[in-house]
Amino acid sequence: MSFDRKLPAVAFGLELDMAGRPWTVARLEDFGRTRLSRSFFMRDFLYSEISQIEGIPNVPDDPELAIEAGKRLCQEVLEAIQERFGRIAIRSAFRAAAVNARGAANKNQYNCASNEANYASHIWDHRDAAGHMGATACIVVPAFLPYYERTFDWAALAWWVHDNVPGYSHMQFYPKLAAFNVSWHERPEKRISSWMTPRLLTKPGMDNHGGSHIDSYREMLGAVGMNREI
């Protein structure tokens, strides 16, 4: 089965009439069954604590764009990480614009950036100000956790992705569970940041950006039992 074919939203019964006909359970079920890549379905990315607590449906304004961006994220980024390290866990991914806006309200009450900053990021179904498409997911790599809990060396995983997943655009790491935002974007940044030290690991123009970084993650691969030929 090919995952490159762009399917119209009507194929999933998602079309809205001029009155903005609401989503139904049946439509959302069909949308969740949309296969984005070999391992991932749209439903994997729809859970949101903000949506649950605030009672705001986490459904897209533009289903077709959400599907297209999600496919690129899954096929060009997430599958490569999962193939190497085994199952990855999705912490947070797609956010409807209304959900994200509530998260950013009241002085960033739920730690969400503004909608404008999250278009083509966590808000998959809106292009950014320059008209570009993108998608972000916050993930945890369970196989990496024992190594991280022993060493706190989050950069080892960051450098592996940098060297081996050319489709990524930006990564940002967090202390809890070494969770990190990883994105695909039509105009990739190739930037790695963190809420830990160092706050900025690399970006284009820095001396450490190019070349192989295998010495930074060779030990990590051995610790997780994956130190085979790179």
C-alpha atoms as a PDB file:
ATOM      1  CA  MET A   1       0.000   0.000   0.000  1.00  0.00           C
ATOM      2  CA  SER A   2       1.394   3.407  -0.929  1.00  0.00           C
ATOM      3  CA  PHE A   3       1.178   6.242   1.582  1.00  0.00           C
ATOM      4  CA  ASP A   4       2.196   8.974  -0.866  1.00  0.00           C
ATOM      5  CA  ARG A   5      -1.143   9.368  -2.582  1.00  0.00           C
ATOM      6  CA  LYS A   6      -3.003  12.476  -1.469  1.00  0.00           C
ATOM      7  CA  LEU A   7      -6.562  11.488  -0.604  1.00  0.00           C
ATOM      8  CA  PRO A   8      -9.341  14.063  -0.539  1.00  0.00           C
ATOM      9  CA  ALA A   9     -11.104  14.723   2.724  1.00  0.00           C
ATOM     10  CA  VAL A  10     -14.364  13.618   1.125  1.00  0.00           C
ATOM     11  CA  ALA A  11     -12.958  10.073   1.077  1.00  0.00           C
ATOM     12  CA  PHE A  12     -13.219  10.067   4.862  1.00  0.00           C
ATOM     13  CA  GLY A  13     -16.648  11.705   5.029  1.00  0.00           C
ATOM     14  CA  LEU A  14     -15.040  14.844   6.447  1.00  0.00           C
ATOM     15  CA  GLU A  15     -16.441  17.499   4.162  1.00  0.00           C
ATOM     16  CA  LEU A  16     -18.275  20.343   5.880  1.00  0.00           C
ATOM     17  CA  ASP A  17     -21.171  22.241   4.353  1.00  0.00           C
ATOM     18  CA  MET A  18     -21.399  26.016   4.189  1.00  0.00           C
ATOM     19  CA  ALA A  19     -22.943  26.109   7.646  1.00  0.00           C
ATOM     20  CA  GLY A  20     -19.891  24.400   9.149  1.00  0.00           C
ATOM     21  CA  ARG A  21     -21.599  21.087   9.841  1.00  0.00           C
ATOM     22  CA  PRO A  22     -20.029  19.640  13.014  1.00  0.00           C
ATOM     23  CA  TRP A  23     -17.945  16.533  13.261  1.00  0.00           C
ATOM     24  CA  THR A  24     -19.677  13.334  14.317  1.00  0.00           C
ATOM     25  CA  VAL A  25     -18.352  10.282  16.100  1.00  0.00           C
ATOM     26  CA  ALA A  26     -18.497   8.319  12.847  1.00  0.00           C
ATOM     27  CA  ARG A  27     -16.537  10.974  10.958  1.00  0.00           C
ATOM     28  CA  LEU A  28     -13.912  11.234  13.676  1.00  0.00           C
ATOM     29  CA  GLU A  29     -13.563   7.459  13.751  1.00  0.00           C
ATOM     30  CA  ASP A  30     -12.966   7.419  10.006  1.00  0.00           C
ATOM     31  CA  PHE A  31     -10.479  10.255  10.291  1.00  0.00           C
ATOM     32  CA  GLY A  32      -8.612   8.405  13.029  1.00  0.00           C
ATOM     33  CA  ARG A  33      -8.331   5.358  10.764  1.00  0.00           C
ATOM     34  CA  THR A  34      -6.337   7.360   8.209  1.00  0.00           C
ATOM     35  CA  ARG A  35      -3.013   5.564   7.771  1.00  0.00           C
ATOM     36  CA  LEU A  36      -0.156   8.052   7.691  1.00  0.00           C
ATOM     37  CA  SER A  37       2.716   5.585   7.295  1.00  0.00           C
ATOM     38  CA  ARG A  38       3.573   1.941   7.804  1.00  0.00           C
ATOM     39  CA  SER A  39       3.237   2.174  11.598  1.00  0.00           C
ATOM     40  CA  PHE A  40       1.130   5.225  12.350  1.00  0.00           C
ATOM     41  CA  PHE A  41      -2.506   6.230  12.052  1.00  0.00           C
ATOM     42  CA  MET A  42      -3.996   9.662  12.589  1.00  0.00           C
ATOM     43  CA  ARG A  43      -5.662   8.522  15.807  1.00  0.00           C
ATOM     44  CA  ASP A  44      -2.203   8.082  17.359  1.00  0.00           C
ATOM     45  CA  PHE A  45      -1.751  11.863  17.285  1.00  0.00           C
ATOM     46  CA  LEU A  46      -5.123  13.227  18.385  1.00  0.00           C
ATOM     47  CA  TYR A  47      -5.058  12.839  22.174  1.00  0.00           C
ATOM     48  CA  SER A  48      -4.721  16.119  24.078  1.00  0.00           C
ATOM     49  CA  GLU A  49      -4.971  16.762  27.811  1.00  0.00           C
ATOM     50  CA  ILE A  50      -6.058  20.328  27.060  1.00  0.00           C
ATOM     51  CA  SER A  51      -8.834  19.026  24.844  1.00  0.00           C
ATOM     52  CA  GLN A  52      -9.940  16.590  27.547  1.00  0.00           C
ATOM     53  CA  ILE A  53      -9.953  19.059  30.430  1.00  0.00           C
ATOM     54  CA  GLU A  54     -11.248  22.097  28.567  1.00  0.00           C
ATOM     55  CA  GLY A  55     -13.818  20.235  26.470  1.00  0.00           C
ATOM     56  CA  ILE A  56     -12.528  21.509  23.119  1.00  0.00           C
ATOM     57  CA  PRO A  57     -12.596  18.899  20.325  1.00  0.00           C
ATOM     58  CA  ASN A  58      -9.117  18.273  18.985  1.00  0.00           C
ATOM     59  CA  VAL A  59     -10.158  18.086  15.332  1.00  0.00           C
ATOM     60  CA  PRO A  60      -8.673  19.951  12.354  1.00  0.00           C
ATOM     61  CA  ASP A  61     -10.108  22.883  10.451  1.00  0.00           C
ATOM     62  CA  ASP A  62      -8.451  21.483   7.309  1.00  0.00           C
ATOM     63  CA  PRO A  63      -8.371  17.661   7.442  1.00  0.00           C
ATOM     64  CA  GLU A  64      -6.591  17.309   4.093  1.00  0.00           C
ATOM     65  CA  LEU A  65      -3.707  19.529   5.165  1.00  0.00           C
ATOM     66  CA  ALA A  66      -3.441  17.767   8.520  1.00  0.00           C
ATOM     67  CA  ILE A  67      -3.221  14.405   6.754  1.00  0.00           C
ATOM     68  CA  GLU A  68      -0.658  15.617   4.225  1.00  0.00           C
ATOM     69  CA  ALA A  69       1.601  17.171   6.871  1.00  0.00           C
ATOM     70  CA  GLY A  70       1.182  14.189   9.178  1.00  0.00           C
ATOM     71  CA  LYS A  71       2.218  11.779   6.455  1.00  0.00           C
ATOM     72  CA  ARG A  72       5.431  13.694   5.873  1.00  0.00           C
ATOM     73  CA  LEU A  73       6.244  13.749   9.596  1.00  0.00           C
ATOM     74  CA  CYS A  74       5.589  10.031   9.973  1.00  0.00           C
ATOM     75  CA  GLN A  75       7.219   8.834   6.768  1.00  0.00           C
ATOM     76  CA  GLU A  76      10.285  11.074   6.814  1.00  0.00           C
ATOM     77  CA  VAL A  77      11.001  11.311  10.557  1.00  0.00           C
ATOM     78  CA  LEU A  78       9.136   9.073  12.992  1.00  0.00           C
ATOM     79  CA  GLU A  79       9.435   5.793  11.079  1.00  0.00           C
ATOM     80  CA  ALA A  80      13.225   6.102  10.960  1.00  0.00           C
ATOM     81  CA  ILE A  81      13.456   6.634  14.732  1.00  0.00           C
ATOM     82  CA  GLN A  82      11.099   3.751  15.462  1.00  0.00           C
ATOM     83  CA  GLU A  83      12.897   1.419  13.065  1.00  0.00           C
ATOM     84  CA  ARG A  84      16.142   1.966  14.955  1.00  0.00           C
ATOM     85  CA  PHE A  85      14.969   2.103  18.565  1.00  0.00           C
ATOM     86  CA  GLY A  86      11.700   0.189  18.629  1.00  0.00           C
ATOM     87  CA  ARG A  87       8.323   1.554  19.583  1.00  0.00           C
ATOM     88  CA  ILE A  88       8.157   5.279  20.257  1.00  0.00           C
ATOM     89  CA  ALA A  89       5.526   6.860  22.511  1.00  0.00           C
ATOM     90  CA  ILE A  90       3.569   9.912  21.379  1.00  0.00           C
ATOM     91  CA  ARG A  91       3.255  12.476  24.185  1.00  0.00           C
ATOM     92  CA  SER A  92       1.654  15.339  22.257  1.00  0.00           C
ATOM     93  CA  ALA A  93       1.217  15.966  18.564  1.00  0.00           C
ATOM     94  CA  PHE A  94      -1.614  17.500  16.543  1.00  0.00           C
ATOM     95  CA  ARG A  95      -3.407  20.428  18.179  1.00  0.00           C
ATOM     96  CA  ALA A  96      -6.476  22.086  16.770  1.00  0.00           C
ATOM     97  CA  ALA A  97      -6.062  25.840  16.614  1.00  0.00           C
ATOM     98  CA  ALA A  98      -8.765  26.275  19.259  1.00  0.00           C
ATOM     99  CA  VAL A  99      -7.039  23.789  21.571  1.00  0.00           C
ATOM    100  CA  ASN A 100      -3.658  25.449  21.198  1.00  0.00           C
ATOM    101  CA  ALA A 101      -5.151  28.913  21.718  1.00  0.00           C
ATOM    102  CA  ARG A 102      -6.607  27.780  25.053  1.00  0.00           C
ATOM    103  CA  GLY A 103      -3.228  26.336  25.997  1.00  0.00           C
ATOM    104  CA  ALA A 104      -1.515  29.654  25.284  1.00  0.00           C
ATOM    105  CA  ALA A 105      -4.180  31.788  27.009  1.00  0.00           C
ATOM    106  CA  ASN A 106      -3.828  33.396  30.445  1.00  0.00           C
ATOM    107  CA  LYS A 107      -0.093  33.948  30.130  1.00  0.00           C
ATOM    108  CA  ASN A 108       0.632  30.557  28.609  1.00  0.00           C
ATOM    109  CA  GLN A 109      -1.352  28.573  31.152  1.00  0.00           C
ATOM    110  CA  TYR A 110      -0.647  25.185  29.591  1.00  0.00           C
ATOM    111  CA  ASN A 111       2.813  25.854  28.163  1.00  0.00           C
ATOM    112  CA  CYS A 112       1.712  26.297  24.548  1.00  0.00           C
ATOM    113  CA  ALA A 113       3.256  28.829  22.211  1.00  0.00           C
ATOM    114  CA  SER A 114       0.906  31.164  20.369  1.00  0.00           C
ATOM    115  CA  ASN A 115      -1.077  29.884  17.419  1.00  0.00           C
ATOM    116  CA  GLU A 116       1.061  31.968  15.074  1.00  0.00           C
ATOM    117  CA  ALA A 117       4.208  30.301  16.422  1.00  0.00           C
ATOM    118  CA  ASN A 118       2.627  26.855  16.225  1.00  0.00           C
ATOM    119  CA  TYR A 119       1.229  27.004  12.693  1.00  0.00           C
ATOM    120  CA  ALA A 120       2.999  24.295  10.661  1.00  0.00           C
ATOM    121  CA  SER A 121       4.239  22.896  13.961  1.00  0.00           C
ATOM    122  CA  HIS A 122       1.810  21.423  16.504  1.00  0.00           C
ATOM    123  CA  ILE A 123      -1.015  22.953  14.467  1.00  0.00           C
ATOM    124  CA  TRP A 124      -0.647  20.720  11.415  1.00  0.00           C
ATOM    125  CA  ASP A 125      -3.669  22.010   9.537  1.00  0.00           C
ATOM    126  CA  HIS A 126      -2.545  25.642   9.177  1.00  0.00           C
ATOM    127  CA  ARG A 127       0.412  26.811   7.119  1.00  0.00           C
ATOM    128  CA  ASP A 128       2.889  29.205   8.684  1.00  0.00           C
ATOM    129  CA  ALA A 129       3.116  32.909   7.853  1.00  0.00           C
ATOM    130  CA  ALA A 130       5.335  32.133   4.859  1.00  0.00           C
ATOM    131  CA  GLY A 131       2.856  29.607   3.475  1.00  0.00           C
ATOM    132  CA  HIS A 132       4.844  26.514   4.414  1.00  0.00           C
ATOM    133  CA  MET A 133       3.483  23.197   5.659  1.00  0.00           C
ATOM    134  CA  GLY A 134       4.813  21.377   8.701  1.00  0.00           C
ATOM    135  CA  ALA A 135       4.023  19.061  11.611  1.00  0.00           C
ATOM    136  CA  THR A 136       5.461  18.356  15.058  1.00  0.00           C
ATOM    137  CA  ALA A 137       5.117  15.534  17.566  1.00  0.00           C
ATOM    138  CA  CYS A 138       6.486  15.310  21.090  1.00  0.00           C
ATOM    139  CA  ILE A 139       7.806  11.780  21.541  1.00  0.00           C
ATOM    140  CA  VAL A 140       9.549   9.551  24.058  1.00  0.00           C
ATOM    141  CA  VAL A 141      11.907   6.737  23.051  1.00  0.00           C
ATOM    142  CA  PRO A 142      11.450   4.053  25.762  1.00  0.00           C
ATOM    143  CA  ALA A 143      14.565   2.100  24.746  1.00  0.00           C
ATOM    144  CA  PHE A 144      16.654   5.223  25.351  1.00  0.00           C
ATOM    145  CA  LEU A 145      15.336   5.882  28.873  1.00  0.00           C
ATOM    146  CA  PRO A 146      17.664   3.586  30.908  1.00  0.00           C
ATOM    147  CA  TYR A 147      20.702   5.187  29.279  1.00  0.00           C
ATOM    148  CA  TYR A 148      19.306   8.689  29.813  1.00  0.00           C
ATOM    149  CA  GLU A 149      18.371   8.033  33.440  1.00  0.00           C
ATOM    150  CA  ARG A 150      21.924   6.836  34.092  1.00  0.00           C
ATOM    151  CA  THR A 151      23.813   9.529  32.172  1.00  0.00           C
ATOM    152  CA  PHE A 152      21.382  12.432  31.508  1.00  0.00           C
ATOM    153  CA  ASP A 153      23.031  12.518  28.084  1.00  0.00           C
ATOM    154  CA  TRP A 154      20.055  13.634  26.007  1.00  0.00           C
ATOM    155  CA  ALA A 155      22.404  14.927  23.294  1.00  0.00           C
ATOM    156  CA  ALA A 156      23.364  11.379  22.286  1.00  0.00           C
ATOM    157  CA  LEU A 157      19.879  10.772  20.902  1.00  0.00           C
ATOM    158  CA  ALA A 158      19.747  14.247  19.377  1.00  0.00           C
ATOM    159  CA  TRP A 159      22.982  13.697  17.472  1.00  0.00           C
ATOM    160  CA  TRP A 160      21.839  10.286  16.250  1.00  0.00           C
ATOM    161  CA  VAL A 161      18.677  11.812  14.779  1.00  0.00           C
ATOM    162  CA  HIS A 162      20.701  14.673  13.301  1.00  0.00           C
ATOM    163  CA  ASP A 163      23.032  12.239  11.524  1.00  0.00           C
ATOM    164  CA  ASN A 164      20.515   9.582  10.517  1.00  0.00           C
ATOM    165  CA  VAL A 165      17.137  11.235   9.939  1.00  0.00           C
ATOM    166  CA  PRO A 166      17.632  13.815   7.191  1.00  0.00           C
ATOM    167  CA  GLY A 167      13.939  14.695   7.122  1.00  0.00           C
ATOM    168  CA  TYR A 168      13.858  16.345  10.543  1.00  0.00           C
ATOM    169  CA  SER A 169      13.552  20.119  10.838  1.00  0.00           C
ATOM    170  CA  HIS A 170      13.849  20.971  14.536  1.00  0.00           C
ATOM    171  CA  MET A 171      14.232  19.138  17.820  1.00  0.00           C
ATOM    172  CA  GLN A 172      13.681  20.471  21.338  1.00  0.00           C
ATOM    173  CA  PHE A 173      14.398  18.258  24.359  1.00  0.00           C
ATOM    174  CA  TYR A 174      12.800  18.307  27.832  1.00  0.00           C
ATOM    175  CA  PRO A 175      14.103  16.902  31.133  1.00  0.00           C
ATOM    176  CA  LYS A 176      11.168  14.567  31.880  1.00  0.00           C
ATOM    177  CA  LEU A 177      11.666  11.223  30.125  1.00  0.00           C
ATOM    178  CA  ALA A 178      13.998  12.917  27.616  1.00  0.00           C
ATOM    179  CA  ALA A 179      10.826  13.738  25.697  1.00  0.00           C
ATOM    180  CA  PHE A 180      11.419  15.888  22.672  1.00  0.00           C
ATOM    181  CA  ASN A 181       9.557  17.781  20.030  1.00  0.00           C
ATOM    182  CA  VAL A 182      10.613  16.646  16.588  1.00  0.00           C
ATOM    183  CA  SER A 183       9.275  18.241  13.450  1.00  0.00           C
ATOM    184  CA  TRP A 184       9.080  17.980   9.707  1.00  0.00           C
ATOM    185  CA  HIS A 185       8.824  21.227   7.733  1.00  0.00           C
ATOM    186  CA  GLU A 186       8.972  22.268   4.090  1.00  0.00           C
ATOM    187  CA  ARG A 187      11.767  24.682   5.028  1.00  0.00           C
ATOM    188  CA  PRO A 188      13.772  22.670   7.587  1.00  0.00           C
ATOM    189  CA  GLU A 189      15.691  24.567  10.266  1.00  0.00           C
ATOM    190  CA  LYS A 190      18.104  21.745  11.185  1.00  0.00           C
ATOM    191  CA  ARG A 191      18.233  23.169  14.702  1.00  0.00           C
ATOM    192  CA  ILE A 192      18.475  21.351  18.057  1.00  0.00           C
ATOM    193  CA  SER A 193      17.595  23.072  21.321  1.00  0.00           C
ATOM    194  CA  SER A 194      16.789  21.958  24.855  1.00  0.00           C
ATOM    195  CA  TRP A 195      15.487  23.037  28.243  1.00  0.00           C
ATOM    196  CA  MET A 196      18.683  21.453  29.592  1.00  0.00           C
ATOM    197  CA  THR A 197      22.361  22.220  29.112  1.00  0.00           C
ATOM    198  CA  PRO A 198      23.330  23.126  26.472  1.00  0.00           C
ATOM    199  CA  ARG A 199      20.230  25.134  25.584  1.00  0.00           C
ATOM    200  CA  LEU A 200      21.321  25.240  21.938  1.00  0.00           C
ATOM    201  CA  LEU A 201      23.117  22.125  20.715  1.00  0.00           C
ATOM    202  CA  THR A 202      23.477  23.077  17.063  1.00  0.00           C
ATOM    203  CA  LYS A 203      22.087  25.093  14.197  1.00  0.00           C
ATOM    204  CA  PRO A 204      23.315  25.917  10.687  1.00  0.00           C
ATOM    205  CA  GLY A 205      26.494  27.968  10.853  1.00  0.00           C
ATOM    206  CA  MET A 206      27.799  26.453  14.083  1.00  0.00           C
ATOM    207  CA  ASP A 207      31.114  24.594  13.872  1.00  0.00           C
ATOM    208  CA  ASN A 208      29.556  21.366  15.136  1.00  0.00           C
ATOM    209  CA  HIS A 209      26.682  21.265  12.645  1.00  0.00           C
ATOM    210  CA  GLY A 210      28.210  19.247   9.808  1.00  0.00           C
ATOM    211  CA  GLY A 211      30.002  15.919   9.567  1.00  0.00           C
ATOM    212  CA  SER A 212      29.529  12.750  11.584  1.00  0.00           C
ATOM    213  CA  HIS A 213      28.812  12.835  15.315  1.00  0.00           C
ATOM    214  CA  ILE A 214      29.068   9.100  15.875  1.00  0.00           C
ATOM    215  CA  ASP A 215      31.471   9.541  18.803  1.00  0.00           C
ATOM    216  CA  SER A 216      28.642  11.341  20.613  1.00  0.00           C
ATOM    217  CA  TYR A 217      26.228   8.415  20.405  1.00  0.00           C
ATOM    218  CA  ARG A 218      28.343   5.253  19.947  1.00  0.00           C
ATOM    219  CA  GLU A 219      28.161   4.452  23.676  1.00  0.00           C
ATOM    220  CA  MET A 220      24.427   5.115  23.717  1.00  0.00           C
ATOM    221  CA  LEU A 221      23.778   2.682  20.884  1.00  0.00           C
ATOM    222  CA  GLY A 222      25.763   0.026  22.689  1.00  0.00           C
ATOM    223  CA  ALA A 223      23.838   0.654  25.910  1.00  0.00           C
ATOM    224  CA  VAL A 224      20.495   0.164  24.187  1.00  0.00           C
ATOM    225  CA  GLY A 225      21.778  -2.906  22.348  1.00  0.00           C
ATOM    226  CA  MET A 226      21.821  -1.350  18.911  1.00  0.00           C
ATOM    227  CA  ASN A 227      25.495  -0.734  18.284  1.00  0.00           C
ATOM    228  CA  ARG A 228      25.436  -2.354  14.872  1.00  0.00           C
ATOM    229  CA  GLU A 229      26.911  -0.867  11.722  1.00  0.00           C
ATOM    230  CA  ILE A 230      25.724   2.733  11.260  1.00  0.00           C
END
